[in-house]
Amino acid sequence: MNRLGITLKLGGRADEAAQWFRRAAEAGSTDGMANLALYLMGQGRNQEAAEWFRRIGDPLGEAFARRLSSEPDNPPDR
């Protein structure tokens, strides 16, 4: 699922990729969690991204989560 997301993202289909990253993340893939969190950061959805970084369960993920938790959501201008 995560690999399909990567393929879609590389093909310029980021929103579709995010659906597959979410499926992978919900199935327990830490790579899927990281990719979903990065996508959410790009969308300005910092609080949700922080939750996914936290779920990864490693020090780097926790560091990202702490940083994002202190930042408000900030949707990109379209």
N, C-alpha and C. Protein backbone atom coordinates (compact mmCIF):
# COMPACT_ATOMS: atom_id res chain seq x y z
N MET A 1 0.83 -1.19 0.00
CA MET A 1 0.00 0.00 0.00
C MET A 1 0.87 1.25 0.00
N ASN A 2 1.90 1.27 0.86
CA ASN A 2 2.78 2.43 0.92
C ASN A 2 3.51 2.63 -0.40
N ARG A 3 3.95 1.53 -1.01
CA ARG A 3 4.67 1.64 -2.29
C ARG A 3 3.76 2.20 -3.39
N LEU A 4 2.50 1.80 -3.38
CA LEU A 4 1.56 2.36 -4.34
C LEU A 4 1.42 3.86 -4.10
N GLY A 5 1.35 4.26 -2.84
CA GLY A 5 1.30 5.68 -2.51
C GLY A 5 2.50 6.44 -3.04
N ILE A 6 3.68 5.85 -2.89
CA ILE A 6 4.90 6.50 -3.38
C ILE A 6 4.83 6.65 -4.90
N THR A 7 4.40 5.60 -5.58
CA THR A 7 4.29 5.65 -7.04
C THR A 7 3.32 6.75 -7.46
N LEU A 8 2.19 6.84 -6.79
CA LEU A 8 1.21 7.89 -7.12
C LEU A 8 1.78 9.27 -6.85
N LYS A 9 2.47 9.43 -5.73
CA LYS A 9 3.05 10.74 -5.39
C LYS A 9 4.07 11.16 -6.44
N LEU A 10 4.93 10.22 -6.83
CA LEU A 10 5.93 10.52 -7.86
C LEU A 10 5.28 10.86 -9.19
N GLY A 11 4.08 10.35 -9.42
CA GLY A 11 3.33 10.64 -10.64
C GLY A 11 2.49 11.90 -10.53
N GLY A 12 2.67 12.67 -9.46
CA GLY A 12 1.96 13.93 -9.31
C GLY A 12 0.55 13.79 -8.77
N ARG A 13 0.24 12.64 -8.18
CA ARG A 13 -1.12 12.40 -7.67
C ARG A 13 -1.08 12.29 -6.15
N ALA A 14 -0.67 13.38 -5.51
CA ALA A 14 -0.43 13.39 -4.06
C ALA A 14 -1.68 13.08 -3.24
N ASP A 15 -2.82 13.60 -3.64
CA ASP A 15 -4.04 13.34 -2.86
C ASP A 15 -4.42 11.86 -2.89
N GLU A 16 -4.27 11.24 -4.05
CA GLU A 16 -4.52 9.80 -4.13
C GLU A 16 -3.48 9.03 -3.32
N ALA A 17 -2.24 9.48 -3.40
CA ALA A 17 -1.16 8.83 -2.65
C ALA A 17 -1.47 8.84 -1.16
N ALA A 18 -1.99 9.96 -0.68
CA ALA A 18 -2.30 10.09 0.75
C ALA A 18 -3.32 9.05 1.19
N GLN A 19 -4.25 8.70 0.32
CA GLN A 19 -5.24 7.67 0.67
C GLN A 19 -4.54 6.33 0.91
N TRP A 20 -3.55 6.03 0.09
CA TRP A 20 -2.82 4.76 0.25
C TRP A 20 -1.86 4.82 1.43
N PHE A 21 -1.26 6.00 1.67
CA PHE A 21 -0.42 6.13 2.85
C PHE A 21 -1.26 5.91 4.11
N ARG A 22 -2.48 6.45 4.11
CA ARG A 22 -3.35 6.28 5.27
C ARG A 22 -3.72 4.80 5.47
N ARG A 23 -4.03 4.13 4.38
CA ARG A 23 -4.35 2.69 4.49
C ARG A 23 -3.16 1.92 5.06
N ALA A 24 -1.97 2.22 4.55
CA ALA A 24 -0.77 1.54 5.04
C ALA A 24 -0.54 1.87 6.51
N ALA A 25 -0.70 3.14 6.87
CA ALA A 25 -0.50 3.57 8.26
C ALA A 25 -1.48 2.88 9.19
N GLU A 26 -2.73 2.83 8.79
CA GLU A 26 -3.75 2.19 9.63
C GLU A 26 -3.53 0.69 9.76
N ALA A 27 -2.80 0.11 8.80
CA ALA A 27 -2.46 -1.32 8.86
C ALA A 27 -1.19 -1.57 9.67
N GLY A 28 -0.57 -0.48 10.17
CA GLY A 28 0.59 -0.63 11.03
C GLY A 28 1.94 -0.35 10.39
N SER A 29 1.97 0.09 9.14
CA SER A 29 3.23 0.38 8.46
C SER A 29 3.81 1.69 8.98
N THR A 30 5.01 1.63 9.55
CA THR A 30 5.64 2.86 10.02
C THR A 30 6.06 3.74 8.84
N ASP A 31 6.42 3.15 7.70
CA ASP A 31 6.71 3.95 6.52
C ASP A 31 5.46 4.68 6.05
N GLY A 32 4.33 3.98 6.08
CA GLY A 32 3.06 4.62 5.73
C GLY A 32 2.73 5.75 6.68
N MET A 33 2.98 5.54 7.97
CA MET A 33 2.74 6.59 8.97
C MET A 33 3.59 7.82 8.68
N ALA A 34 4.87 7.60 8.39
CA ALA A 34 5.77 8.72 8.11
C ALA A 34 5.35 9.46 6.84
N ASN A 35 5.03 8.72 5.79
CA ASN A 35 4.62 9.37 4.54
C ASN A 35 3.31 10.12 4.70
N LEU A 36 2.38 9.55 5.44
CA LEU A 36 1.12 10.24 5.69
C LEU A 36 1.37 11.51 6.50
N ALA A 37 2.21 11.41 7.51
CA ALA A 37 2.52 12.59 8.33
C ALA A 37 3.16 13.69 7.50
N LEU A 38 4.08 13.33 6.62
CA LEU A 38 4.72 14.33 5.76
C LEU A 38 3.70 14.97 4.82
N TYR A 39 2.80 14.17 4.27
CA TYR A 39 1.74 14.72 3.42
C TYR A 39 0.89 15.71 4.21
N LEU A 40 0.49 15.31 5.42
CA LEU A 40 -0.36 16.17 6.25
C LEU A 40 0.36 17.47 6.60
N MET A 41 1.66 17.39 6.87
CA MET A 41 2.43 18.62 7.12
C MET A 41 2.34 19.55 5.92
N GLY A 42 2.49 19.00 4.73
CA GLY A 42 2.41 19.80 3.51
C GLY A 42 1.05 20.43 3.30
N GLN A 43 0.03 19.84 3.90
CA GLN A 43 -1.33 20.37 3.82
C GLN A 43 -1.62 21.34 4.96
N GLY A 44 -0.63 21.55 5.84
CA GLY A 44 -0.83 22.44 6.98
C GLY A 44 -1.62 21.81 8.11
N ARG A 45 -1.77 20.52 8.08
CA ARG A 45 -2.54 19.80 9.11
C ARG A 45 -1.57 19.26 10.16
N ASN A 46 -0.93 20.20 10.86
CA ASN A 46 0.16 19.87 11.77
C ASN A 46 -0.25 19.00 12.94
N GLN A 47 -1.42 19.22 13.49
CA GLN A 47 -1.84 18.43 14.65
C GLN A 47 -2.06 16.96 14.28
N GLU A 48 -2.68 16.73 13.14
CA GLU A 48 -2.89 15.35 12.69
C GLU A 48 -1.55 14.70 12.32
N ALA A 49 -0.67 15.48 11.69
CA ALA A 49 0.67 14.96 11.36
C ALA A 49 1.41 14.56 12.63
N ALA A 50 1.30 15.38 13.66
CA ALA A 50 1.98 15.08 14.93
C ALA A 50 1.52 13.75 15.50
N GLU A 51 0.23 13.48 15.40
CA GLU A 51 -0.30 12.21 15.92
C GLU A 51 0.30 11.03 15.18
N TRP A 52 0.44 11.14 13.87
CA TRP A 52 1.02 10.03 13.11
C TRP A 52 2.51 9.88 13.41
N PHE A 53 3.22 10.99 13.55
CA PHE A 53 4.63 10.89 13.93
C PHE A 53 4.77 10.21 15.28
N ARG A 54 3.89 10.52 16.21
CA ARG A 54 3.92 9.90 17.54
C ARG A 54 3.73 8.39 17.45
N ARG A 55 2.85 7.97 16.58
CA ARG A 55 2.55 6.54 16.45
C ARG A 55 3.72 5.73 15.91
N ILE A 56 4.65 6.39 15.23
CA ILE A 56 5.80 5.67 14.69
C ILE A 56 6.59 5.02 15.82
N GLY A 57 6.68 5.71 16.95
CA GLY A 57 7.30 5.11 18.13
C GLY A 57 8.81 5.14 18.17
N ASP A 58 9.43 6.08 17.46
CA ASP A 58 10.87 6.22 17.60
C ASP A 58 11.21 7.65 17.99
N PRO A 59 12.42 7.90 18.45
CA PRO A 59 12.77 9.24 18.94
C PRO A 59 12.60 10.34 17.90
N LEU A 60 12.93 10.07 16.65
CA LEU A 60 12.78 11.10 15.62
C LEU A 60 11.31 11.44 15.40
N GLY A 61 10.47 10.42 15.34
CA GLY A 61 9.04 10.66 15.20
C GLY A 61 8.49 11.46 16.36
N GLU A 62 8.94 11.14 17.56
CA GLU A 62 8.50 11.87 18.76
C GLU A 62 8.97 13.32 18.71
N ALA A 63 10.19 13.55 18.23
CA ALA A 63 10.72 14.92 18.12
C ALA A 63 9.87 15.74 17.14
N PHE A 64 9.54 15.15 15.99
CA PHE A 64 8.67 15.84 15.03
C PHE A 64 7.31 16.13 15.66
N ALA A 65 6.77 15.16 16.37
CA ALA A 65 5.46 15.32 16.99
C ALA A 65 5.47 16.47 17.99
N ARG A 66 6.51 16.54 18.82
CA ARG A 66 6.58 17.63 19.81
C ARG A 66 6.64 18.99 19.12
N ARG A 67 7.44 19.07 18.07
CA ARG A 67 7.57 20.34 17.36
C ARG A 67 6.24 20.75 16.72
N LEU A 68 5.59 19.81 16.06
CA LEU A 68 4.33 20.12 15.38
C LEU A 68 3.20 20.41 16.34
N SER A 69 3.22 19.77 17.49
CA SER A 69 2.15 19.97 18.47
C SER A 69 2.10 21.41 18.95
N SER A 70 3.23 22.09 18.89
CA SER A 70 3.27 23.49 19.34
C SER A 70 2.92 24.47 18.23
N GLU A 71 2.73 23.97 17.01
CA GLU A 71 2.39 24.84 15.88
C GLU A 71 0.92 24.67 15.51
N PRO A 72 0.23 25.77 15.24
CA PRO A 72 -1.17 25.65 14.82
C PRO A 72 -1.25 25.09 13.41
N ASP A 73 -2.41 24.55 13.08
CA ASP A 73 -2.63 24.12 11.70
C ASP A 73 -2.54 25.34 10.81
N ASN A 74 -2.03 25.14 9.60
CA ASN A 74 -1.80 26.24 8.70
C ASN A 74 -1.99 25.76 7.26
N PRO A 75 -3.25 25.70 6.80
CA PRO A 75 -3.49 25.21 5.44
C PRO A 75 -2.78 26.08 4.40
N PRO A 76 -2.23 25.44 3.36
CA PRO A 76 -1.54 26.21 2.32
C PRO A 76 -2.53 27.04 1.52
N ASP A 77 -2.04 28.15 0.99
CA ASP A 77 -2.86 28.96 0.09
C ASP A 77 -2.99 28.22 -1.23
N ARG A 78 -4.16 28.26 -1.79
CA ARG A 78 -4.37 27.57 -3.07
C ARG A 78 -4.71 28.55 -4.14
